[in-house]
């Protein structure tokens, strides 16, 4: 999730919460 936080469209809702 951390490396994908720059790509919100590629993250799930849960990962998006971690990234943002």
Protein backbone atom coordinates (compact mmCIF):
# COMPACT_ATOMS: atom_id res chain seq x y z
CA UNK A 1 0.00 0.00 0.00
CA UNK A 2 2.82 2.35 0.83
CA UNK A 3 4.39 2.23 -2.62
CA UNK A 4 0.95 2.46 -4.24
CA UNK A 5 -0.29 5.41 -2.20
CA UNK A 6 0.67 7.63 -5.12
CA UNK A 7 -1.76 5.71 -7.31
CA UNK A 8 -5.15 5.94 -5.52
CA UNK A 9 -6.87 4.29 -8.47
CA UNK A 10 -4.81 1.16 -7.95
CA UNK A 11 -5.47 0.85 -4.22
CA UNK A 12 -8.38 -0.70 -2.40
CA UNK A 13 -10.45 1.27 0.10
CA UNK A 14 -8.49 -0.16 3.03
CA UNK A 15 -5.12 0.52 1.41
CA UNK A 16 -6.26 3.97 0.41
CA UNK A 17 -6.94 4.72 4.06
CA UNK A 18 -3.37 3.72 4.91
CA UNK A 19 -1.86 5.64 2.01
CA UNK A 20 -3.86 8.77 2.70
